[in-house]
């Protein structure tokens, strides 16, 4: 499909959704988010796609929400718009999502990167939740996902001061997976997407679900969920193929079922 604010490309086994509002540092307006969610849901149903990368450009992943859309809104306007409902739909995407981040990932941009399953950052990446500086606070999951990633003390500091943190700090605090030179950050994400795409799709899907469940429930319920997903995979053709290939000392051929 043709989009106005994002560019979607498909590679062998994975796809890239590139935010494309470079004149405003990829600010996340409602139209862009609608297109992004629509694209992700379509890719989630595409059997040729096993992993998705979300990226921006070297200067900015996304520098935040489009403030012009909200500046004059009332509380009732925001309630009726319910713009964060789209973010809930991103969380329900079954396939792994990698954020390839360079430059600014601030406010909604930081929150969007945190909705992804893995974050690859360039050396120039800067993360932050600066909403406090304009009289509000994070609303797309920033207070929750950031706290789970870096802990209460660091999250409080980032949210209450609005300061940016460097890629090195983000790595040290557990927010991101890896830092690479700016000229390689997207290629690093592509290499990782290819590796994930080479794995059995159903096992990847259920493994992602189980990891995310760890944030939603108790350890006892999480272990039970993990165990059921483990058992369920023994109903798949890929489990039979994977274990037979291991015994036969050959490369498995995944069918995705």
C-alpha atoms as a PDB file:
ATOM      1  CA  UNK A   1       0.000   0.000   0.000  1.00  0.00           C
ATOM      2  CA  UNK A   2       1.013   3.608  -0.534  1.00  0.00           C
ATOM      3  CA  UNK A   3       1.488   5.633   2.641  1.00  0.00           C
ATOM      4  CA  UNK A   4       2.022   9.348   3.135  1.00  0.00           C
ATOM      5  CA  UNK A   5       4.148   9.358   6.282  1.00  0.00           C
ATOM      6  CA  UNK A   6       5.893   5.977   6.313  1.00  0.00           C
ATOM      7  CA  UNK A   7       7.821   3.881   3.796  1.00  0.00           C
ATOM      8  CA  UNK A   8       7.367   0.106   3.917  1.00  0.00           C
ATOM      9  CA  UNK A   9       9.816  -2.217   2.189  1.00  0.00           C
ATOM     10  CA  UNK A  10      10.036  -5.992   2.264  1.00  0.00           C
ATOM     11  CA  UNK A  11      13.284  -7.922   2.244  1.00  0.00           C
ATOM     12  CA  UNK A  12      13.930 -11.656   2.399  1.00  0.00           C
ATOM     13  CA  UNK A  13      12.042 -12.775   5.498  1.00  0.00           C
ATOM     14  CA  UNK A  14      11.558  -9.367   7.110  1.00  0.00           C
ATOM     15  CA  UNK A  15      10.144  -5.902   6.471  1.00  0.00           C
ATOM     16  CA  UNK A  16      11.126  -2.325   7.300  1.00  0.00           C
ATOM     17  CA  UNK A  17       8.671   0.399   8.293  1.00  0.00           C
ATOM     18  CA  UNK A  18      10.476   3.738   8.040  1.00  0.00           C
ATOM     19  CA  UNK A  19       8.985   6.834   9.629  1.00  0.00           C
ATOM     20  CA  UNK A  20       9.072   9.519   6.953  1.00  0.00           C
ATOM     21  CA  UNK A  21       8.436  13.054   8.202  1.00  0.00           C
ATOM     22  CA  UNK A  22      12.053  14.253   8.076  1.00  0.00           C
ATOM     23  CA  UNK A  23      11.133  17.948   7.989  1.00  0.00           C
ATOM     24  CA  UNK A  24       9.773  17.656  11.555  1.00  0.00           C
ATOM     25  CA  UNK A  25      12.210  15.025  12.864  1.00  0.00           C
ATOM     26  CA  UNK A  26       9.597  12.304  12.301  1.00  0.00           C
ATOM     27  CA  UNK A  27       7.176  13.797  14.827  1.00  0.00           C
ATOM     28  CA  UNK A  28       4.406  11.293  15.476  1.00  0.00           C
ATOM     29  CA  UNK A  29       1.168  12.855  14.332  1.00  0.00           C
ATOM     30  CA  UNK A  30      -2.092  10.924  14.296  1.00  0.00           C
ATOM     31  CA  UNK A  31      -1.916  10.206  10.563  1.00  0.00           C
ATOM     32  CA  UNK A  32       1.570   8.687  10.846  1.00  0.00           C
ATOM     33  CA  UNK A  33       0.557   6.514  13.783  1.00  0.00           C
ATOM     34  CA  UNK A  34      -2.568   5.340  11.939  1.00  0.00           C
ATOM     35  CA  UNK A  35      -0.456   4.378   8.942  1.00  0.00           C
ATOM     36  CA  UNK A  36       2.170   2.666  11.090  1.00  0.00           C
ATOM     37  CA  UNK A  37      -0.390   0.557  12.947  1.00  0.00           C
ATOM     38  CA  UNK A  38      -2.141  -0.351   9.690  1.00  0.00           C
ATOM     39  CA  UNK A  39       1.187  -1.393   8.145  1.00  0.00           C
ATOM     40  CA  UNK A  40       2.271  -3.430  11.168  1.00  0.00           C
ATOM     41  CA  UNK A  41      -1.022  -5.297  11.295  1.00  0.00           C
ATOM     42  CA  UNK A  42      -0.787  -6.078   7.576  1.00  0.00           C
ATOM     43  CA  UNK A  43       2.802  -7.305   7.956  1.00  0.00           C
ATOM     44  CA  UNK A  44       1.749  -9.400  10.943  1.00  0.00           C
ATOM     45  CA  UNK A  45      -0.584 -11.308   8.619  1.00  0.00           C
ATOM     46  CA  UNK A  46       1.984 -11.611   5.809  1.00  0.00           C
ATOM     47  CA  UNK A  47       3.445 -15.128   5.795  1.00  0.00           C
ATOM     48  CA  UNK A  48       6.535 -13.924   3.939  1.00  0.00           C
ATOM     49  CA  UNK A  49       7.427 -11.580   6.810  1.00  0.00           C
ATOM     50  CA  UNK A  50       8.793 -13.053  10.026  1.00  0.00           C
ATOM     51  CA  UNK A  51      10.257  -9.940  11.675  1.00  0.00           C
ATOM     52  CA  UNK A  52       9.707  -6.183  11.351  1.00  0.00           C
ATOM     53  CA  UNK A  53      12.103  -3.253  11.759  1.00  0.00           C
ATOM     54  CA  UNK A  54      10.838   0.215  12.672  1.00  0.00           C
ATOM     55  CA  UNK A  55      13.298   3.002  11.937  1.00  0.00           C
ATOM     56  CA  UNK A  56      13.564   6.695  11.111  1.00  0.00           C
ATOM     57  CA  UNK A  57      16.672   8.310   9.683  1.00  0.00           C
ATOM     58  CA  UNK A  58      20.156   9.122  10.952  1.00  0.00           C
ATOM     59  CA  UNK A  59      19.039  12.424  12.479  1.00  0.00           C
ATOM     60  CA  UNK A  60      15.920  11.201  14.264  1.00  0.00           C
ATOM     61  CA  UNK A  61      14.037   8.033  14.996  1.00  0.00           C
ATOM     62  CA  UNK A  62      11.175  10.234  16.193  1.00  0.00           C
ATOM     63  CA  UNK A  63      11.614  13.433  18.183  1.00  0.00           C
ATOM     64  CA  UNK A  64       8.228  13.147  19.880  1.00  0.00           C
ATOM     65  CA  UNK A  65       4.543  13.641  19.281  1.00  0.00           C
ATOM     66  CA  UNK A  66       3.267  16.412  17.018  1.00  0.00           C
ATOM     67  CA  UNK A  67       2.541  19.048  19.668  1.00  0.00           C
ATOM     68  CA  UNK A  68       0.565  21.213  17.243  1.00  0.00           C
ATOM     69  CA  UNK A  69      -2.171  18.572  17.231  1.00  0.00           C
ATOM     70  CA  UNK A  70      -2.545  18.741  21.010  1.00  0.00           C
ATOM     71  CA  UNK A  71      -1.704  22.282  22.073  1.00  0.00           C
ATOM     72  CA  UNK A  72      -5.304  23.568  22.068  1.00  0.00           C
ATOM     73  CA  UNK A  73      -7.057  20.317  22.964  1.00  0.00           C
ATOM     74  CA  UNK A  74      -9.242  19.934  26.029  1.00  0.00           C
ATOM     75  CA  UNK A  75      -9.285  16.909  28.308  1.00  0.00           C
ATOM     76  CA  UNK A  76     -12.515  15.808  26.626  1.00  0.00           C
ATOM     77  CA  UNK A  77     -10.936  16.245  23.181  1.00  0.00           C
ATOM     78  CA  UNK A  78      -8.090  13.941  24.179  1.00  0.00           C
ATOM     79  CA  UNK A  79     -10.466  11.421  25.706  1.00  0.00           C
ATOM     80  CA  UNK A  80     -12.604  11.286  22.556  1.00  0.00           C
ATOM     81  CA  UNK A  81      -9.578  11.032  20.259  1.00  0.00           C
ATOM     82  CA  UNK A  82      -8.263   8.099  22.296  1.00  0.00           C
ATOM     83  CA  UNK A  83      -5.058   8.295  20.284  1.00  0.00           C
ATOM     84  CA  UNK A  84      -3.221   5.875  22.557  1.00  0.00           C
ATOM     85  CA  UNK A  85      -5.561   3.048  21.551  1.00  0.00           C
ATOM     86  CA  UNK A  86      -3.330   2.620  18.509  1.00  0.00           C
ATOM     87  CA  UNK A  87      -0.368   1.956  20.765  1.00  0.00           C
ATOM     88  CA  UNK A  88      -2.273  -0.926  22.342  1.00  0.00           C
ATOM     89  CA  UNK A  89      -2.600  -2.431  18.861  1.00  0.00           C
ATOM     90  CA  UNK A  90       1.174  -2.276  18.356  1.00  0.00           C
ATOM     91  CA  UNK A  91       1.647  -4.227  21.557  1.00  0.00           C
ATOM     92  CA  UNK A  92      -0.551  -6.987  20.126  1.00  0.00           C
ATOM     93  CA  UNK A  93       1.628  -7.549  17.045  1.00  0.00           C
ATOM     94  CA  UNK A  94       2.694 -11.189  17.202  1.00  0.00           C
ATOM     95  CA  UNK A  95       5.897 -10.985  15.182  1.00  0.00           C
ATOM     96  CA  UNK A  96       9.117  -9.605  16.703  1.00  0.00           C
ATOM     97  CA  UNK A  97       9.693  -5.884  16.169  1.00  0.00           C
ATOM     98  CA  UNK A  98      13.166  -4.336  16.176  1.00  0.00           C
ATOM     99  CA  UNK A  99      13.666  -0.591  16.648  1.00  0.00           C
ATOM    100  CA  UNK A 100      16.656   0.756  14.712  1.00  0.00           C
ATOM    101  CA  UNK A 101      17.326   4.091  16.403  1.00  0.00           C
ATOM    102  CA  UNK A 102      19.639   6.918  15.396  1.00  0.00           C
ATOM    103  CA  UNK A 103      19.492  10.494  16.614  1.00  0.00           C
ATOM    104  CA  UNK A 104      16.538  11.631  18.690  1.00  0.00           C
ATOM    105  CA  UNK A 105      14.108   9.156  20.258  1.00  0.00           C
ATOM    106  CA  UNK A 106      12.216  11.505  22.548  1.00  0.00           C
ATOM    107  CA  UNK A 107       8.752  11.515  24.088  1.00  0.00           C
ATOM    108  CA  UNK A 108       6.536   9.424  21.835  1.00  0.00           C
ATOM    109  CA  UNK A 109       9.644   8.404  19.903  1.00  0.00           C
ATOM    110  CA  UNK A 110      11.198   6.910  23.021  1.00  0.00           C
ATOM    111  CA  UNK A 111       7.878   5.261  23.851  1.00  0.00           C
ATOM    112  CA  UNK A 112       7.598   3.825  20.336  1.00  0.00           C
ATOM    113  CA  UNK A 113      11.085   2.322  20.593  1.00  0.00           C
ATOM    114  CA  UNK A 114      10.108   0.754  23.918  1.00  0.00           C
ATOM    115  CA  UNK A 115       7.014  -0.898  22.407  1.00  0.00           C
ATOM    116  CA  UNK A 116       9.449  -2.811  20.198  1.00  0.00           C
ATOM    117  CA  UNK A 117      11.002  -6.055  21.375  1.00  0.00           C
ATOM    118  CA  UNK A 118      14.647  -5.190  20.665  1.00  0.00           C
ATOM    119  CA  UNK A 119      16.388  -1.803  20.298  1.00  0.00           C
ATOM    120  CA  UNK A 120      19.518  -1.331  18.196  1.00  0.00           C
ATOM    121  CA  UNK A 121      20.976   2.171  18.552  1.00  0.00           C
ATOM    122  CA  UNK A 122      23.596   4.207  16.758  1.00  0.00           C
ATOM    123  CA  UNK A 123      26.258   6.074  18.696  1.00  0.00           C
ATOM    124  CA  UNK A 124      24.303   9.303  18.144  1.00  0.00           C
ATOM    125  CA  UNK A 125      21.028   8.030  19.624  1.00  0.00           C
ATOM    126  CA  UNK A 126      19.510  10.070  22.427  1.00  0.00           C
ATOM    127  CA  UNK A 127      16.534   8.872  24.461  1.00  0.00           C
ATOM    128  CA  UNK A 128      14.270  10.830  26.773  1.00  0.00           C
ATOM    129  CA  UNK A 129      10.795  11.718  27.999  1.00  0.00           C
ATOM    130  CA  UNK A 130      10.763  15.543  27.898  1.00  0.00           C
ATOM    131  CA  UNK A 131       6.974  15.917  28.306  1.00  0.00           C
ATOM    132  CA  UNK A 132       7.444  17.519  31.731  1.00  0.00           C
ATOM    133  CA  UNK A 133       8.954  20.551  29.959  1.00  0.00           C
ATOM    134  CA  UNK A 134       5.656  21.328  28.221  1.00  0.00           C
ATOM    135  CA  UNK A 135       3.390  20.807  31.203  1.00  0.00           C
ATOM    136  CA  UNK A 136       2.374  17.189  30.747  1.00  0.00           C
ATOM    137  CA  UNK A 137       3.834  13.703  31.263  1.00  0.00           C
ATOM    138  CA  UNK A 138       4.380  10.558  29.187  1.00  0.00           C
ATOM    139  CA  UNK A 139       1.086   9.081  28.028  1.00  0.00           C
ATOM    140  CA  UNK A 140       1.993   6.297  25.592  1.00  0.00           C
ATOM    141  CA  UNK A 141       3.586   3.980  28.126  1.00  0.00           C
ATOM    142  CA  UNK A 142       6.686   5.964  29.050  1.00  0.00           C
ATOM    143  CA  UNK A 143       6.261   5.838  32.828  1.00  0.00           C
ATOM    144  CA  UNK A 144       5.548   2.100  32.746  1.00  0.00           C
ATOM    145  CA  UNK A 145       7.927   0.671  30.148  1.00  0.00           C
ATOM    146  CA  UNK A 146      10.814   2.923  31.125  1.00  0.00           C
ATOM    147  CA  UNK A 147      10.481   1.939  34.785  1.00  0.00           C
ATOM    148  CA  UNK A 148      10.433  -1.744  33.876  1.00  0.00           C
ATOM    149  CA  UNK A 149      13.527  -1.292  31.709  1.00  0.00           C
ATOM    150  CA  UNK A 150      15.769   0.909  33.866  1.00  0.00           C
ATOM    151  CA  UNK A 151      14.233   0.772  37.359  1.00  0.00           C
ATOM    152  CA  UNK A 152      12.390   3.308  39.501  1.00  0.00           C
ATOM    153  CA  UNK A 153      15.315   5.585  40.365  1.00  0.00           C
ATOM    154  CA  UNK A 154      16.509   6.191  36.815  1.00  0.00           C
ATOM    155  CA  UNK A 155      12.977   6.380  35.425  1.00  0.00           C
ATOM    156  CA  UNK A 156      12.037   9.020  37.983  1.00  0.00           C
ATOM    157  CA  UNK A 157      15.098  11.063  37.071  1.00  0.00           C
ATOM    158  CA  UNK A 158      14.426  10.851  33.327  1.00  0.00           C
ATOM    159  CA  UNK A 159      10.689  11.561  33.571  1.00  0.00           C
ATOM    160  CA  UNK A 160      10.812  14.310  36.215  1.00  0.00           C
ATOM    161  CA  UNK A 161      13.733  16.237  34.711  1.00  0.00           C
ATOM    162  CA  UNK A 162      12.945  15.650  31.049  1.00  0.00           C
ATOM    163  CA  UNK A 163      16.640  15.223  30.331  1.00  0.00           C
ATOM    164  CA  UNK A 164      18.009  13.193  27.444  1.00  0.00           C
ATOM    165  CA  UNK A 165      20.264  10.209  27.982  1.00  0.00           C
ATOM    166  CA  UNK A 166      22.972   9.022  25.624  1.00  0.00           C
ATOM    167  CA  UNK A 167      23.079   5.682  23.847  1.00  0.00           C
ATOM    168  CA  UNK A 168      25.849   4.619  26.223  1.00  0.00           C
ATOM    169  CA  UNK A 169      23.711   5.419  29.267  1.00  0.00           C
ATOM    170  CA  UNK A 170      20.748   3.636  27.691  1.00  0.00           C
ATOM    171  CA  UNK A 171      22.884   0.534  27.166  1.00  0.00           C
ATOM    172  CA  UNK A 172      24.349   0.694  30.669  1.00  0.00           C
ATOM    173  CA  UNK A 173      20.870   0.996  32.206  1.00  0.00           C
ATOM    174  CA  UNK A 174      19.362  -1.846  30.168  1.00  0.00           C
ATOM    175  CA  UNK A 175      17.089   0.187  27.890  1.00  0.00           C
ATOM    176  CA  UNK A 176      18.675  -0.949  24.619  1.00  0.00           C
ATOM    177  CA  UNK A 177      20.412  -4.049  23.281  1.00  0.00           C
ATOM    178  CA  UNK A 178      23.397  -2.742  21.358  1.00  0.00           C
ATOM    179  CA  UNK A 179      25.249   0.349  20.115  1.00  0.00           C
ATOM    180  CA  UNK A 180      26.891   0.444  16.694  1.00  0.00           C
ATOM    181  CA  UNK A 181      28.441   3.230  14.576  1.00  0.00           C
ATOM    182  CA  UNK A 182      25.829   5.406  12.909  1.00  0.00           C
ATOM    183  CA  UNK A 183      26.650   4.097   9.440  1.00  0.00           C
ATOM    184  CA  UNK A 184      25.871   0.518  10.540  1.00  0.00           C
ATOM    185  CA  UNK A 185      22.863   0.794  12.857  1.00  0.00           C
ATOM    186  CA  UNK A 186      20.273  -0.130  10.224  1.00  0.00           C
ATOM    187  CA  UNK A 187      22.408  -2.933   8.813  1.00  0.00           C
ATOM    188  CA  UNK A 188      22.840  -4.323  12.329  1.00  0.00           C
ATOM    189  CA  UNK A 189      19.052  -4.368  12.712  1.00  0.00           C
ATOM    190  CA  UNK A 190      18.699  -6.056   9.323  1.00  0.00           C
ATOM    191  CA  UNK A 191      21.234  -8.737  10.256  1.00  0.00           C
ATOM    192  CA  UNK A 192      19.347  -9.413  13.476  1.00  0.00           C
ATOM    193  CA  UNK A 193      16.018  -9.505  11.628  1.00  0.00           C
ATOM    194  CA  UNK A 194      17.467 -12.043   9.177  1.00  0.00           C
ATOM    195  CA  UNK A 195      18.647 -14.211  12.055  1.00  0.00           C
ATOM    196  CA  UNK A 196      15.250 -14.129  13.763  1.00  0.00           C
ATOM    197  CA  UNK A 197      13.509 -14.765  10.425  1.00  0.00           C
ATOM    198  CA  UNK A 198      15.578 -17.937  10.030  1.00  0.00           C
ATOM    199  CA  UNK A 199      14.052 -19.438  13.177  1.00  0.00           C
ATOM    200  CA  UNK A 200      10.782 -21.438  13.339  1.00  0.00           C
ATOM    201  CA  UNK A 201       7.974 -18.821  13.208  1.00  0.00           C
ATOM    202  CA  UNK A 202       5.559 -20.405  15.677  1.00  0.00           C
ATOM    203  CA  UNK A 203       8.288 -20.938  18.260  1.00  0.00           C
ATOM    204  CA  UNK A 204       9.367 -17.304  17.839  1.00  0.00           C
ATOM    205  CA  UNK A 205       5.790 -16.089  18.232  1.00  0.00           C
ATOM    206  CA  UNK A 206       5.077 -18.099  21.377  1.00  0.00           C
ATOM    207  CA  UNK A 207       8.478 -17.272  22.877  1.00  0.00           C
ATOM    208  CA  UNK A 208       7.821 -13.539  22.387  1.00  0.00           C
ATOM    209  CA  UNK A 209       4.415 -13.915  24.045  1.00  0.00           C
ATOM    210  CA  UNK A 210       5.949 -15.698  27.019  1.00  0.00           C
ATOM    211  CA  UNK A 211       8.657 -13.071  27.548  1.00  0.00           C
ATOM    212  CA  UNK A 212       6.091 -10.255  27.431  1.00  0.00           C
ATOM    213  CA  UNK A 213       3.881 -12.146  29.883  1.00  0.00           C
ATOM    214  CA  UNK A 214       6.638 -11.754  32.482  1.00  0.00           C
ATOM    215  CA  UNK A 215       5.702  -8.064  32.759  1.00  0.00           C
ATOM    216  CA  UNK A 216       1.990  -8.696  33.141  1.00  0.00           C
ATOM    217  CA  UNK A 217       1.691 -11.321  35.840  1.00  0.00           C
ATOM    218  CA  UNK A 218       3.231 -13.122  38.793  1.00  0.00           C
ATOM    219  CA  UNK A 219       6.176 -15.495  38.431  1.00  0.00           C
ATOM    220  CA  UNK A 220       3.868 -18.452  39.095  1.00  0.00           C
ATOM    221  CA  UNK A 221       1.382 -17.466  36.387  1.00  0.00           C
ATOM    222  CA  UNK A 222       4.223 -16.610  34.023  1.00  0.00           C
ATOM    223  CA  UNK A 223       5.844 -20.009  34.477  1.00  0.00           C
ATOM    224  CA  UNK A 224       2.511 -21.705  33.831  1.00  0.00           C
ATOM    225  CA  UNK A 225       2.053 -19.646  30.643  1.00  0.00           C
ATOM    226  CA  UNK A 226       5.573 -20.526  29.482  1.00  0.00           C
ATOM    227  CA  UNK A 227       4.992 -24.228  30.161  1.00  0.00           C
ATOM    228  CA  UNK A 228       1.734 -24.299  28.174  1.00  0.00           C
ATOM    229  CA  UNK A 229       3.393 -22.577  25.207  1.00  0.00           C
ATOM    230  CA  UNK A 230       6.269 -25.053  25.393  1.00  0.00           C
ATOM    231  CA  UNK A 231       3.862 -27.999  25.317  1.00  0.00           C
ATOM    232  CA  UNK A 232       1.797 -26.401  22.532  1.00  0.00           C
ATOM    233  CA  UNK A 233       4.807 -26.294  20.219  1.00  0.00           C
ATOM    234  CA  UNK A 234       4.902 -30.091  20.254  1.00  0.00           C
ATOM    235  CA  UNK A 235       1.787 -29.916  18.074  1.00  0.00           C
ATOM    236  CA  UNK A 236       3.742 -28.089  15.357  1.00  0.00           C
ATOM    237  CA  UNK A 237       5.384 -29.527  12.255  1.00  0.00           C
ATOM    238  CA  UNK A 238       8.399 -27.336  12.960  1.00  0.00           C
ATOM    239  CA  UNK A 239       9.035 -29.013  16.313  1.00  0.00           C
ATOM    240  CA  UNK A 240       9.111 -32.420  14.612  1.00  0.00           C
ATOM    241  CA  UNK A 241      11.348 -31.084  11.842  1.00  0.00           C
ATOM    242  CA  UNK A 242      13.671 -29.228  14.219  1.00  0.00           C
ATOM    243  CA  UNK A 243      14.306 -32.170  16.502  1.00  0.00           C
ATOM    244  CA  UNK A 244      14.620 -34.644  13.621  1.00  0.00           C
ATOM    245  CA  UNK A 245      17.093 -32.343  11.866  1.00  0.00           C
ATOM    246  CA  UNK A 246      19.101 -32.096  15.096  1.00  0.00           C
ATOM    247  CA  UNK A 247      19.243 -35.892  15.390  1.00  0.00           C
ATOM    248  CA  UNK A 248      20.069 -36.246  11.673  1.00  0.00           C
ATOM    249  CA  UNK A 249      22.725 -33.511  11.931  1.00  0.00           C
ATOM    250  CA  UNK A 250      21.269 -31.410   9.111  1.00  0.00           C
ATOM    251  CA  UNK A 251      19.781 -27.951   8.705  1.00  0.00           C
ATOM    252  CA  UNK A 252      16.031 -27.812   9.452  1.00  0.00           C
ATOM    253  CA  UNK A 253      13.509 -26.597   6.893  1.00  0.00           C
ATOM    254  CA  UNK A 254      10.826 -24.568   8.673  1.00  0.00           C
ATOM    255  CA  UNK A 255       7.228 -24.579   7.427  1.00  0.00           C
ATOM    256  CA  UNK A 256       5.820 -22.071   9.906  1.00  0.00           C
ATOM    257  CA  UNK A 257       3.172 -24.444  11.200  1.00  0.00           C
END
